[in-house]
Amino acid sequence: MSVELRRHVSGLVSDFAAEYGEIDLIGRRIDCSAETHERLSETFETFGVVGGAGIRVTEGEKVLLVSYEAADGWIDPGDSRRPGESYTECARRGVREATGIEAAITDIAQIHLLLIDDPTGRDPIPNPYVSFRGTYESGTVRPGPDVASVRWTDEPPEELLYEELAEHPLLA
């Protein structure tokens, strides 16, 4: 599983670099329980799906951020990939479900390579998350399922879920 998954991640980065040019690749290790590690491993082995995607949606001078009920901070809206779903399809669906709006993808912002570790010492699972840049197209902003709050902002909130989000031009 490990070799196949590493190939998937390498191919993902190569494909996006060919399409969008230079990629801002951010690596981060995340600790998880043995059960979560096993579930991620089984999901990849069963469905061939890993990772997720979202969009940093802008409208004018504001960026759209969400606060998920299970998270301690603000982040760009997105979701985990589903079987048969591309990263761009995942990003658009994730934004729609989390915020009620449609967004157009204009570029790629970052690829976060989350290395999921567990306490048993197994190899970490690479779990890529693609963060696109995009613009508002249509719809009314409202929090979707599992979303505590949604807001347009031109200033960084105190609690960002990850520090690289502060690098967004509208939040820097």
Protein backbone atom coordinates (compact mmCIF):
# COMPACT_ATOMS: atom_id res chain seq x y z
CA MET A 1 0.00 0.00 0.00
CA SER A 2 2.76 2.39 0.89
CA VAL A 3 4.51 2.31 -2.52
CA GLU A 4 1.24 2.66 -4.43
CA LEU A 5 0.15 5.56 -2.25
CA ARG A 6 3.51 7.31 -2.63
CA ARG A 7 3.19 6.95 -6.42
CA HIS A 8 -0.27 8.50 -6.26
CA VAL A 9 1.05 11.49 -4.30
CA SER A 10 4.08 11.94 -6.61
CA GLY A 11 1.81 11.76 -9.66
CA LEU A 12 -0.59 14.26 -8.11
CA VAL A 13 2.16 16.82 -7.49
CA SER A 14 3.62 16.25 -10.99
CA ASP A 15 0.23 16.59 -12.68
CA PHE A 16 -0.62 19.82 -10.86
CA ALA A 17 2.87 21.24 -11.53
CA ALA A 18 2.41 20.52 -15.25
CA GLU A 19 -0.99 22.24 -15.24
CA TYR A 20 -0.35 25.18 -12.89
CA GLY A 21 3.43 25.65 -12.82
CA GLU A 22 5.38 25.92 -9.59
CA ILE A 23 3.63 24.30 -6.62
CA ASP A 24 3.84 25.44 -3.01
CA LEU A 25 4.17 22.03 -1.31
CA ILE A 26 3.79 22.04 2.47
CA GLY A 27 4.59 18.95 4.53
CA ARG A 28 3.25 18.40 8.01
CA ARG A 29 3.12 15.40 10.34
CA ILE A 30 -0.14 14.73 12.18
CA ASP A 31 -0.56 12.25 15.01
CA CYS A 32 -3.64 10.06 14.99
CA SER A 33 -4.99 7.03 16.78
CA ALA A 34 -4.19 3.52 15.57
CA GLU A 35 -7.87 3.18 14.59
CA THR A 36 -7.80 6.32 12.42
CA HIS A 37 -4.58 5.16 10.76
CA GLU A 38 -6.15 1.78 10.02
CA ARG A 39 -9.31 3.40 8.63
CA LEU A 40 -7.32 5.64 6.26
CA SER A 41 -5.24 2.69 5.11
CA GLU A 42 -8.36 0.58 4.48
CA THR A 43 -10.05 3.43 2.61
CA PHE A 44 -7.14 3.70 0.21
CA GLU A 45 -6.86 -0.07 -0.25
CA THR A 46 -10.60 -0.47 -0.81
CA PHE A 47 -11.47 2.62 -2.85
CA GLY A 48 -8.12 3.98 -4.07
CA VAL A 49 -9.10 7.33 -2.58
CA VAL A 50 -7.00 9.54 -0.37
CA GLY A 51 -6.78 13.23 0.39
CA GLY A 52 -9.12 16.12 -0.09
CA ALA A 53 -9.42 19.58 -1.58
CA GLY A 54 -10.84 23.02 -0.97
CA ILE A 55 -10.97 26.48 -2.49
CA ARG A 56 -9.81 29.83 -1.10
CA VAL A 57 -12.81 31.68 -2.47
CA THR A 58 -12.54 35.44 -2.95
CA GLU A 59 -15.06 38.11 -3.81
CA GLY A 60 -13.60 41.57 -4.21
CA GLU A 61 -11.32 42.21 -1.25
CA LYS A 62 -12.71 39.42 0.94
CA VAL A 63 -11.96 35.72 1.37
CA LEU A 64 -14.49 33.10 2.51
CA LEU A 65 -13.55 31.08 5.61
CA VAL A 66 -15.37 28.36 7.53
CA SER A 67 -15.14 27.04 11.06
CA TYR A 68 -16.01 23.35 11.21
CA GLU A 69 -17.65 21.98 14.36
CA ALA A 70 -14.84 19.40 14.81
CA ALA A 71 -11.98 21.91 14.35
CA ASP A 72 -10.46 24.66 16.45
CA GLY A 73 -9.99 27.43 13.92
CA TRP A 74 -10.87 28.95 10.56
CA ILE A 75 -9.98 27.37 7.23
CA ASP A 76 -10.86 27.57 3.56
CA PRO A 77 -13.91 25.37 2.77
CA GLY A 78 -13.39 21.88 1.34
CA ASP A 79 -13.79 18.17 2.02
CA SER A 80 -12.30 14.69 1.68
CA ARG A 81 -12.37 13.01 -1.72
CA ARG A 82 -14.97 10.41 -2.55
CA PRO A 83 -14.46 7.38 -4.83
CA GLY A 84 -14.23 8.42 -8.49
CA GLU A 85 -13.93 12.11 -7.63
CA SER A 86 -11.10 14.33 -8.91
CA TYR A 87 -9.47 16.90 -6.64
CA THR A 88 -11.19 19.76 -8.51
CA GLU A 89 -14.60 18.05 -8.26
CA CYS A 90 -13.97 17.47 -4.55
CA ALA A 91 -13.04 21.13 -4.00
CA ARG A 92 -16.16 22.45 -5.77
CA ARG A 93 -18.45 20.00 -3.96
CA GLY A 94 -16.78 20.71 -0.62
CA VAL A 95 -17.33 24.46 -1.00
CA ARG A 96 -20.94 23.97 -2.09
CA GLU A 97 -21.77 21.65 0.81
CA ALA A 98 -19.95 23.70 3.47
CA THR A 99 -21.09 27.17 2.38
CA GLY A 100 -24.03 26.95 -0.05
CA ILE A 101 -22.18 28.77 -2.85
CA GLU A 102 -20.63 27.87 -6.20
CA ALA A 103 -17.02 28.86 -6.86
CA ALA A 104 -14.79 28.86 -9.94
CA ILE A 105 -11.25 27.52 -9.61
CA THR A 106 -8.69 29.98 -10.98
CA ASP A 107 -5.34 28.59 -9.78
CA ILE A 108 -3.70 26.39 -7.18
CA ALA A 109 -2.66 27.89 -3.84
CA GLN A 110 -0.88 25.03 -2.07
CA ILE A 111 -0.67 21.28 -1.73
CA HIS A 112 -0.51 20.17 1.89
CA LEU A 113 1.08 16.75 2.28
CA LEU A 114 -0.20 15.57 5.64
CA LEU A 115 1.80 12.60 6.93
CA ILE A 116 -0.54 10.71 9.24
CA ASP A 117 1.38 8.98 12.06
CA ASP A 118 0.07 6.57 14.66
CA PRO A 119 1.57 5.36 17.94
CA THR A 120 2.28 1.83 16.63
CA GLY A 121 5.26 2.92 14.52
CA ARG A 122 3.73 1.98 11.15
CA ASP A 123 4.75 3.96 8.09
CA PRO A 124 2.91 7.29 7.95
CA ILE A 125 0.09 7.60 5.44
CA PRO A 126 0.60 10.48 3.01
CA ASN A 127 -2.73 12.31 2.78
CA PRO A 128 -2.61 15.20 0.27
CA TYR A 129 -4.94 18.18 0.56
CA VAL A 130 -5.08 20.48 -2.48
CA SER A 131 -5.96 24.09 -1.75
CA PHE A 132 -7.11 25.93 -4.88
CA ARG A 133 -7.67 29.64 -5.42
CA GLY A 134 -11.06 30.62 -6.74
CA THR A 135 -13.74 33.24 -7.10
CA TYR A 136 -17.36 33.43 -5.99
CA GLU A 137 -19.84 32.54 -8.75
CA SER A 138 -23.32 32.27 -7.21
CA GLY A 139 -25.41 31.29 -4.22
CA THR A 140 -26.14 32.53 -0.73
CA VAL A 141 -23.61 31.88 2.02
CA ARG A 142 -24.97 29.65 4.78
CA PRO A 143 -23.28 27.05 7.01
CA GLY A 144 -23.65 23.48 5.80
CA PRO A 145 -23.67 20.27 7.83
CA ASP A 146 -20.83 20.07 10.39
CA VAL A 147 -20.02 23.76 9.85
CA ALA A 148 -20.23 26.00 12.91
CA SER A 149 -19.82 29.29 11.04
CA VAL A 150 -19.07 30.81 7.62
CA ARG A 151 -17.87 34.34 6.96
CA TRP A 152 -16.34 36.67 4.42
CA THR A 153 -13.34 38.51 5.86
CA ASP A 154 -10.56 40.85 4.83
CA GLU A 155 -8.58 40.34 8.05
CA PRO A 156 -7.14 37.11 9.43
CA PRO A 157 -9.11 35.71 12.36
CA GLU A 158 -7.16 35.05 15.55
CA GLU A 159 -7.64 31.29 15.25
CA LEU A 160 -6.53 29.96 11.86
CA LEU A 161 -6.48 26.17 11.56
CA TYR A 162 -3.05 26.27 9.89
CA GLU A 163 -0.49 29.06 9.76
CA GLU A 164 0.04 28.96 5.96
CA LEU A 165 -3.50 30.29 5.46
CA ALA A 166 -2.23 33.64 6.76
CA GLU A 167 -0.03 33.79 3.62
CA HIS A 168 -3.13 34.36 1.48
CA PRO A 169 -2.72 37.83 -0.10
CA LEU A 170 -6.02 39.07 1.34
CA LEU A 171 -5.09 37.90 4.83
CA ALA A 172 -1.38 38.75 4.90
